mmCIF file of all heavy atoms, coordinates in Angstrom:
data_MODEL
# 
_entry.id   MODEL 
# 
loop_
_atom_site.group_PDB 
_atom_site.id 
_atom_site.type_symbol 
_atom_site.label_atom_id 
_atom_site.label_alt_id 
_atom_site.label_comp_id 
_atom_site.label_asym_id 
_atom_site.label_entity_id 
_atom_site.label_seq_id 
_atom_site.pdbx_PDB_ins_code 
_atom_site.Cartn_x 
_atom_site.Cartn_y 
_atom_site.Cartn_z 
_atom_site.occupancy 
_atom_site.B_iso_or_equiv 
_atom_site.pdbx_formal_charge 
_atom_site.auth_seq_id 
_atom_site.auth_comp_id 
_atom_site.auth_asym_id 
_atom_site.auth_atom_id 
_atom_site.pdbx_PDB_model_num 
ATOM 1   N N   . VAL A 1 1  ? 0.849   -1.179 0.000  1.00 0.00 ? 1  VAL A N   1 
ATOM 2   C CA  . VAL A 1 1  ? 0.000   0.000  0.000  1.00 0.00 ? 1  VAL A CA  1 
ATOM 3   C C   . VAL A 1 1  ? 0.889   1.236  0.000  1.00 0.00 ? 1  VAL A C   1 
ATOM 4   O O   . VAL A 1 1  ? 1.771   1.381  0.841  1.00 0.00 ? 1  VAL A O   1 
ATOM 5   C CB  . VAL A 1 1  ? -0.933  0.025  1.213  1.00 0.00 ? 1  VAL A CB  1 
ATOM 6   C CG1 . VAL A 1 1  ? -1.735  1.323  1.243  1.00 0.00 ? 1  VAL A CG1 1 
ATOM 7   C CG2 . VAL A 1 1  ? -1.876  -1.168 1.178  1.00 0.00 ? 1  VAL A CG2 1 
ATOM 8   N N   . GLN A 1 2  ? 0.642   2.120  -0.936 1.00 0.00 ? 2  GLN A N   1 
ATOM 9   C CA  . GLN A 1 2  ? 1.401   3.352  -1.048 1.00 0.00 ? 2  GLN A CA  1 
ATOM 10  C C   . GLN A 1 2  ? 0.471   4.553  -1.071 1.00 0.00 ? 2  GLN A C   1 
ATOM 11  O O   . GLN A 1 2  ? -0.591  4.515  -1.707 1.00 0.00 ? 2  GLN A O   1 
ATOM 12  C CB  . GLN A 1 2  ? 2.251   3.363  -2.313 1.00 0.00 ? 2  GLN A CB  1 
ATOM 13  C CG  . GLN A 1 2  ? 3.415   2.394  -2.286 1.00 0.00 ? 2  GLN A CG  1 
ATOM 14  C CD  . GLN A 1 2  ? 4.301   2.531  -3.497 1.00 0.00 ? 2  GLN A CD  1 
ATOM 15  O OE1 . GLN A 1 2  ? 3.823   2.533  -4.626 1.00 0.00 ? 2  GLN A OE1 1 
ATOM 16  N NE2 . GLN A 1 2  ? 5.595   2.657  -3.272 1.00 0.00 ? 2  GLN A NE2 1 
ATOM 17  N N   . LEU A 1 3  ? 0.880   5.596  -0.379 1.00 0.00 ? 3  LEU A N   1 
ATOM 18  C CA  . LEU A 1 3  ? 0.160   6.854  -0.361 1.00 0.00 ? 3  LEU A CA  1 
ATOM 19  C C   . LEU A 1 3  ? 1.117   7.954  -0.786 1.00 0.00 ? 3  LEU A C   1 
ATOM 20  O O   . LEU A 1 3  ? 2.216   8.063  -0.247 1.00 0.00 ? 3  LEU A O   1 
ATOM 21  C CB  . LEU A 1 3  ? -0.382  7.159  1.039  1.00 0.00 ? 3  LEU A CB  1 
ATOM 22  C CG  . LEU A 1 3  ? -1.267  6.094  1.692  1.00 0.00 ? 3  LEU A CG  1 
ATOM 23  C CD1 . LEU A 1 3  ? -1.595  6.496  3.130  1.00 0.00 ? 3  LEU A CD1 1 
ATOM 24  C CD2 . LEU A 1 3  ? -2.557  5.911  0.900  1.00 0.00 ? 3  LEU A CD2 1 
ATOM 25  N N   . VAL A 1 4  ? 0.711   8.759  -1.740 1.00 0.00 ? 4  VAL A N   1 
ATOM 26  C CA  . VAL A 1 4  ? 1.554   9.826  -2.256 1.00 0.00 ? 4  VAL A CA  1 
ATOM 27  C C   . VAL A 1 4  ? 0.793   11.135 -2.210 1.00 0.00 ? 4  VAL A C   1 
ATOM 28  O O   . VAL A 1 4  ? -0.263  11.265 -2.834 1.00 0.00 ? 4  VAL A O   1 
ATOM 29  C CB  . VAL A 1 4  ? 2.020   9.537  -3.693 1.00 0.00 ? 4  VAL A CB  1 
ATOM 30  C CG1 . VAL A 1 4  ? 2.895   10.682 -4.197 1.00 0.00 ? 4  VAL A CG1 1 
ATOM 31  C CG2 . VAL A 1 4  ? 2.784   8.228  -3.753 1.00 0.00 ? 4  VAL A CG2 1 
ATOM 32  N N   . GLU A 1 5  ? 1.343   12.102 -1.472 1.00 0.00 ? 5  GLU A N   1 
ATOM 33  C CA  . GLU A 1 5  ? 0.726   13.415 -1.353 1.00 0.00 ? 5  GLU A CA  1 
ATOM 34  C C   . GLU A 1 5  ? 1.316   14.385 -2.371 1.00 0.00 ? 5  GLU A C   1 
ATOM 35  O O   . GLU A 1 5  ? 2.477   14.266 -2.758 1.00 0.00 ? 5  GLU A O   1 
ATOM 36  C CB  . GLU A 1 5  ? 0.936   13.995 0.055  1.00 0.00 ? 5  GLU A CB  1 
ATOM 37  C CG  . GLU A 1 5  ? 0.459   13.105 1.186  1.00 0.00 ? 5  GLU A CG  1 
ATOM 38  C CD  . GLU A 1 5  ? 1.571   12.264 1.769  1.00 0.00 ? 5  GLU A CD  1 
ATOM 39  O OE1 . GLU A 1 5  ? 2.552   11.961 1.051  1.00 0.00 ? 5  GLU A OE1 1 
ATOM 40  O OE2 . GLU A 1 5  ? 1.468   11.901 2.953  1.00 0.00 ? 5  GLU A OE2 1 
ATOM 41  N N   . SER A 1 6  ? 0.518   15.360 -2.749 1.00 0.00 ? 6  SER A N   1 
ATOM 42  C CA  . SER A 1 6  ? 0.974   16.414 -3.632 1.00 0.00 ? 6  SER A CA  1 
ATOM 43  C C   . SER A 1 6  ? 0.110   17.649 -3.403 1.00 0.00 ? 6  SER A C   1 
ATOM 44  O O   . SER A 1 6  ? -0.925  17.586 -2.745 1.00 0.00 ? 6  SER A O   1 
ATOM 45  C CB  . SER A 1 6  ? 0.905   15.989 -5.099 1.00 0.00 ? 6  SER A CB  1 
ATOM 46  O OG  . SER A 1 6  ? -0.428  15.721 -5.494 1.00 0.00 ? 6  SER A OG  1 
ATOM 47  N N   . GLY A 1 7  ? 0.542   18.768 -3.958 1.00 0.00 ? 7  GLY A N   1 
ATOM 48  C CA  . GLY A 1 7  ? -0.251  19.982 -3.905 1.00 0.00 ? 7  GLY A CA  1 
ATOM 49  C C   . GLY A 1 7  ? 0.201   21.014 -2.901 1.00 0.00 ? 7  GLY A C   1 
ATOM 50  O O   . GLY A 1 7  ? -0.366  22.112 -2.850 1.00 0.00 ? 7  GLY A O   1 
ATOM 51  N N   . GLY A 1 8  ? 1.204   20.688 -2.096 1.00 0.00 ? 8  GLY A N   1 
ATOM 52  C CA  . GLY A 1 8  ? 1.704   21.658 -1.140 1.00 0.00 ? 8  GLY A CA  1 
ATOM 53  C C   . GLY A 1 8  ? 2.433   22.792 -1.835 1.00 0.00 ? 8  GLY A C   1 
ATOM 54  O O   . GLY A 1 8  ? 2.733   22.735 -3.022 1.00 0.00 ? 8  GLY A O   1 
ATOM 55  N N   . GLY A 1 9  ? 2.711   23.832 -1.069 1.00 0.00 ? 9  GLY A N   1 
ATOM 56  C CA  . GLY A 1 9  ? 3.408   24.971 -1.625 1.00 0.00 ? 9  GLY A CA  1 
ATOM 57  C C   . GLY A 1 9  ? 3.435   26.132 -0.659 1.00 0.00 ? 9  GLY A C   1 
ATOM 58  O O   . GLY A 1 9  ? 3.143   25.983 0.528  1.00 0.00 ? 9  GLY A O   1 
ATOM 59  N N   . LEU A 1 10 ? 3.790   27.285 -1.187 1.00 0.00 ? 10 LEU A N   1 
ATOM 60  C CA  . LEU A 1 10 ? 3.889   28.517 -0.411 1.00 0.00 ? 10 LEU A CA  1 
ATOM 61  C C   . LEU A 1 10 ? 2.738   29.437 -0.778 1.00 0.00 ? 10 LEU A C   1 
ATOM 62  O O   . LEU A 1 10 ? 2.528   29.735 -1.961 1.00 0.00 ? 10 LEU A O   1 
ATOM 63  C CB  . LEU A 1 10 ? 5.226   29.209 -0.685 1.00 0.00 ? 10 LEU A CB  1 
ATOM 64  C CG  . LEU A 1 10 ? 5.431   30.591 -0.073 1.00 0.00 ? 10 LEU A CG  1 
ATOM 65  C CD1 . LEU A 1 10 ? 5.442   30.504 1.444  1.00 0.00 ? 10 LEU A CD1 1 
ATOM 66  C CD2 . LEU A 1 10 ? 6.719   31.202 -0.595 1.00 0.00 ? 10 LEU A CD2 1 
ATOM 67  N N   . VAL A 1 11 ? 2.005   29.881 0.231  1.00 0.00 ? 11 VAL A N   1 
ATOM 68  C CA  . VAL A 1 11 ? 0.888   30.794 0.010  1.00 0.00 ? 11 VAL A CA  1 
ATOM 69  C C   . VAL A 1 11 ? 0.899   31.887 1.066  1.00 0.00 ? 11 VAL A C   1 
ATOM 70  O O   . VAL A 1 11 ? 1.471   31.730 2.145  1.00 0.00 ? 11 VAL A O   1 
ATOM 71  C CB  . VAL A 1 11 ? -0.478  30.074 0.034  1.00 0.00 ? 11 VAL A CB  1 
ATOM 72  C CG1 . VAL A 1 11 ? -0.577  29.058 -1.086 1.00 0.00 ? 11 VAL A CG1 1 
ATOM 73  C CG2 . VAL A 1 11 ? -0.706  29.406 1.385  1.00 0.00 ? 11 VAL A CG2 1 
ATOM 74  N N   . GLN A 1 12 ? 0.255   32.990 0.739  1.00 0.00 ? 12 GLN A N   1 
ATOM 75  C CA  . GLN A 1 12 ? 0.081   34.067 1.698  1.00 0.00 ? 12 GLN A CA  1 
ATOM 76  C C   . GLN A 1 12 ? -1.063  33.755 2.646  1.00 0.00 ? 12 GLN A C   1 
ATOM 77  O O   . GLN A 1 12 ? -1.983  32.999 2.306  1.00 0.00 ? 12 GLN A O   1 
ATOM 78  C CB  . GLN A 1 12 ? -0.208  35.377 0.974  1.00 0.00 ? 12 GLN A CB  1 
ATOM 79  C CG  . GLN A 1 12 ? 0.914   35.877 0.084  1.00 0.00 ? 12 GLN A CG  1 
ATOM 80  C CD  . GLN A 1 12 ? 2.072   36.436 0.882  1.00 0.00 ? 12 GLN A CD  1 
ATOM 81  O OE1 . GLN A 1 12 ? 1.898   36.928 2.001  1.00 0.00 ? 12 GLN A OE1 1 
ATOM 82  N NE2 . GLN A 1 12 ? 3.261   36.369 0.312  1.00 0.00 ? 12 GLN A NE2 1 
ATOM 83  N N   . ALA A 1 13 ? -0.998  34.310 3.835  1.00 0.00 ? 13 ALA A N   1 
ATOM 84  C CA  . ALA A 1 13 ? -2.099  34.160 4.779  1.00 0.00 ? 13 ALA A CA  1 
ATOM 85  C C   . ALA A 1 13 ? -3.404  34.610 4.133  1.00 0.00 ? 13 ALA A C   1 
ATOM 86  O O   . ALA A 1 13 ? -3.447  35.633 3.450  1.00 0.00 ? 13 ALA A O   1 
ATOM 87  C CB  . ALA A 1 13 ? -1.824  34.962 6.040  1.00 0.00 ? 13 ALA A CB  1 
ATOM 88  N N   . GLY A 1 14 ? -4.446  33.824 4.352  1.00 0.00 ? 14 GLY A N   1 
ATOM 89  C CA  . GLY A 1 14 ? -5.728  34.098 3.732  1.00 0.00 ? 14 GLY A CA  1 
ATOM 90  C C   . GLY A 1 14 ? -5.938  33.395 2.414  1.00 0.00 ? 14 GLY A C   1 
ATOM 91  O O   . GLY A 1 14 ? -7.062  33.367 1.893  1.00 0.00 ? 14 GLY A O   1 
ATOM 92  N N   . GLY A 1 15 ? -4.888  32.806 1.882  1.00 0.00 ? 15 GLY A N   1 
ATOM 93  C CA  . GLY A 1 15 ? -4.975  32.105 0.619  1.00 0.00 ? 15 GLY A CA  1 
ATOM 94  C C   . GLY A 1 15 ? -5.461  30.681 0.776  1.00 0.00 ? 15 GLY A C   1 
ATOM 95  O O   . GLY A 1 15 ? -5.815  30.240 1.867  1.00 0.00 ? 15 GLY A O   1 
ATOM 96  N N   . SER A 1 16 ? -5.444  29.954 -0.334 1.00 0.00 ? 16 SER A N   1 
ATOM 97  C CA  . SER A 1 16 ? -5.964  28.592 -0.358 1.00 0.00 ? 16 SER A CA  1 
ATOM 98  C C   . SER A 1 16 ? -5.001  27.641 -1.047 1.00 0.00 ? 16 SER A C   1 
ATOM 99  O O   . SER A 1 16 ? -4.230  28.033 -1.928 1.00 0.00 ? 16 SER A O   1 
ATOM 100 C CB  . SER A 1 16 ? -7.305  28.542 -1.096 1.00 0.00 ? 16 SER A CB  1 
ATOM 101 O OG  . SER A 1 16 ? -8.292  29.316 -0.448 1.00 0.00 ? 16 SER A OG  1 
ATOM 102 N N   . LEU A 1 17 ? -5.065  26.396 -0.639 1.00 0.00 ? 17 LEU A N   1 
ATOM 103 C CA  . LEU A 1 17 ? -4.340  25.305 -1.270 1.00 0.00 ? 17 LEU A CA  1 
ATOM 104 C C   . LEU A 1 17 ? -5.188  24.055 -1.192 1.00 0.00 ? 17 LEU A C   1 
ATOM 105 O O   . LEU A 1 17 ? -6.016  23.918 -0.290 1.00 0.00 ? 17 LEU A O   1 
ATOM 106 C CB  . LEU A 1 17 ? -3.009  25.026 -0.581 1.00 0.00 ? 17 LEU A CB  1 
ATOM 107 C CG  . LEU A 1 17 ? -1.784  25.868 -0.924 1.00 0.00 ? 17 LEU A CG  1 
ATOM 108 C CD1 . LEU A 1 17 ? -0.620  25.439 -0.032 1.00 0.00 ? 17 LEU A CD1 1 
ATOM 109 C CD2 . LEU A 1 17 ? -1.415  25.723 -2.390 1.00 0.00 ? 17 LEU A CD2 1 
ATOM 110 N N   . ARG A 1 18 ? -4.960  23.142 -2.107 1.00 0.00 ? 18 ARG A N   1 
ATOM 111 C CA  . ARG A 1 18 ? -5.577  21.831 -2.026 1.00 0.00 ? 18 ARG A CA  1 
ATOM 112 C C   . ARG A 1 18 ? -4.484  20.784 -2.130 1.00 0.00 ? 18 ARG A C   1 
ATOM 113 O O   . ARG A 1 18 ? -3.741  20.753 -3.113 1.00 0.00 ? 18 ARG A O   1 
ATOM 114 C CB  . ARG A 1 18 ? -6.618  21.614 -3.129 1.00 0.00 ? 18 ARG A CB  1 
ATOM 115 C CG  . ARG A 1 18 ? -7.373  20.287 -2.950 1.00 0.00 ? 18 ARG A CG  1 
ATOM 116 C CD  . ARG A 1 18 ? -8.500  20.111 -3.941 1.00 0.00 ? 18 ARG A CD  1 
ATOM 117 N NE  . ARG A 1 18 ? -8.019  19.764 -5.269 1.00 0.00 ? 18 ARG A NE  1 
ATOM 118 C CZ  . ARG A 1 18 ? -8.795  19.352 -6.254 1.00 0.00 ? 18 ARG A CZ  1 
ATOM 119 N NH1 . ARG A 1 18 ? -10.108 19.244 -6.063 1.00 0.00 ? 18 ARG A NH1 1 
ATOM 120 N NH2 . ARG A 1 18 ? -8.263  19.072 -7.433 1.00 0.00 ? 18 ARG A NH2 1 
ATOM 121 N N   . VAL A 1 19 ? -4.389  19.952 -1.109 1.00 0.00 ? 19 VAL A N   1 
ATOM 122 C CA  . VAL A 1 19 ? -3.453  18.846 -1.138 1.00 0.00 ? 19 VAL A CA  1 
ATOM 123 C C   . VAL A 1 19 ? -4.206  17.573 -1.483 1.00 0.00 ? 19 VAL A C   1 
ATOM 124 O O   . VAL A 1 19 ? -5.369  17.399 -1.113 1.00 0.00 ? 19 VAL A O   1 
ATOM 125 C CB  . VAL A 1 19 ? -2.680  18.692 0.190  1.00 0.00 ? 19 VAL A CB  1 
ATOM 126 C CG1 . VAL A 1 19 ? -1.703  19.849 0.364  1.00 0.00 ? 19 VAL A CG1 1 
ATOM 127 C CG2 . VAL A 1 19 ? -3.624  18.627 1.382  1.00 0.00 ? 19 VAL A CG2 1 
ATOM 128 N N   . THR A 1 20 ? -3.538  16.699 -2.211 1.00 0.00 ? 20 THR A N   1 
ATOM 129 C CA  . THR A 1 20 ? -4.151  15.486 -2.714 1.00 0.00 ? 20 THR A CA  1 
ATOM 130 C C   . THR A 1 20 ? -3.321  14.278 -2.324 1.00 0.00 ? 20 THR A C   1 
ATOM 131 O O   . THR A 1 20 ? -2.090  14.338 -2.315 1.00 0.00 ? 20 THR A O   1 
ATOM 132 C CB  . THR A 1 20 ? -4.290  15.550 -4.246 1.00 0.00 ? 20 THR A CB  1 
ATOM 133 O OG1 . THR A 1 20 ? -5.164  16.622 -4.607 1.00 0.00 ? 20 THR A OG1 1 
ATOM 134 C CG2 . THR A 1 20 ? -4.876  14.249 -4.798 1.00 0.00 ? 20 THR A CG2 1 
ATOM 135 N N   . CYS A 1 21 ? -3.988  13.200 -2.011 1.00 0.00 ? 21 CYS A N   1 
ATOM 136 C CA  . CYS A 1 21 ? -3.349  11.931 -1.702 1.00 0.00 ? 21 CYS A CA  1 
ATOM 137 C C   . CYS A 1 21 ? -3.860  10.885 -2.673 1.00 0.00 ? 21 CYS A C   1 
ATOM 138 O O   . CYS A 1 21 ? -5.076  10.709 -2.817 1.00 0.00 ? 21 CYS A O   1 
ATOM 139 C CB  . CYS A 1 21 ? -3.651  11.527 -0.263 1.00 0.00 ? 21 CYS A CB  1 
ATOM 140 S SG  . CYS A 1 21 ? -3.045  9.895  0.213  1.00 0.00 ? 21 CYS A SG  1 
ATOM 141 N N   . VAL A 1 22 ? -2.944  10.204 -3.332 1.00 0.00 ? 22 VAL A N   1 
ATOM 142 C CA  . VAL A 1 22 ? -3.290  9.125  -4.245 1.00 0.00 ? 22 VAL A CA  1 
ATOM 143 C C   . VAL A 1 22 ? -2.835  7.804  -3.643 1.00 0.00 ? 22 VAL A C   1 
ATOM 144 O O   . VAL A 1 22 ? -1.673  7.664  -3.271 1.00 0.00 ? 22 VAL A O   1 
ATOM 145 C CB  . VAL A 1 22 ? -2.652  9.322  -5.626 1.00 0.00 ? 22 VAL A CB  1 
ATOM 146 C CG1 . VAL A 1 22 ? -3.027  8.169  -6.553 1.00 0.00 ? 22 VAL A CG1 1 
ATOM 147 C CG2 . VAL A 1 22 ? -3.090  10.644 -6.232 1.00 0.00 ? 22 VAL A CG2 1 
ATOM 148 N N   . ALA A 1 23 ? -3.748  6.860  -3.552 1.00 0.00 ? 23 ALA A N   1 
ATOM 149 C CA  . ALA A 1 23 ? -3.459  5.562  -2.964 1.00 0.00 ? 23 ALA A CA  1 
ATOM 150 C C   . ALA A 1 23 ? -3.324  4.499  -4.041 1.00 0.00 ? 23 ALA A C   1 
ATOM 151 O O   . ALA A 1 23 ? -4.002  4.538  -5.072 1.00 0.00 ? 23 ALA A O   1 
ATOM 152 C CB  . ALA A 1 23 ? -4.558  5.164  -1.985 1.00 0.00 ? 23 ALA A CB  1 
ATOM 153 N N   . SER A 1 24 ? -2.452  3.532  -3.777 1.00 0.00 ? 24 SER A N   1 
ATOM 154 C CA  . SER A 1 24 ? -2.284  2.408  -4.681 1.00 0.00 ? 24 SER A CA  1 
ATOM 155 C C   . SER A 1 24 ? -1.901  1.170  -3.877 1.00 0.00 ? 24 SER A C   1 
ATOM 156 O O   . SER A 1 24 ? -1.421  1.273  -2.751 1.00 0.00 ? 24 SER A O   1 
ATOM 157 C CB  . SER A 1 24 ? -1.219  2.694  -5.735 1.00 0.00 ? 24 SER A CB  1 
ATOM 158 O OG  . SER A 1 24 ? 0.050   2.904  -5.136 1.00 0.00 ? 24 SER A OG  1 
ATOM 159 N N   . GLY A 1 25 ? -2.133  0.011  -4.458 1.00 0.00 ? 25 GLY A N   1 
ATOM 160 C CA  . GLY A 1 25 ? -1.727  -1.233 -3.828 1.00 0.00 ? 25 GLY A CA  1 
ATOM 161 C C   . GLY A 1 25 ? -2.720  -1.820 -2.847 1.00 0.00 ? 25 GLY A C   1 
ATOM 162 O O   . GLY A 1 25 ? -2.412  -2.796 -2.168 1.00 0.00 ? 25 GLY A O   1 
# 
């Protein structure tokens, strides 16, 4: 079983981000 995250980064306060996890196995 593998889990891989993505979508992180640098944002200003008040901003938005979406992180995603993809599972396999």
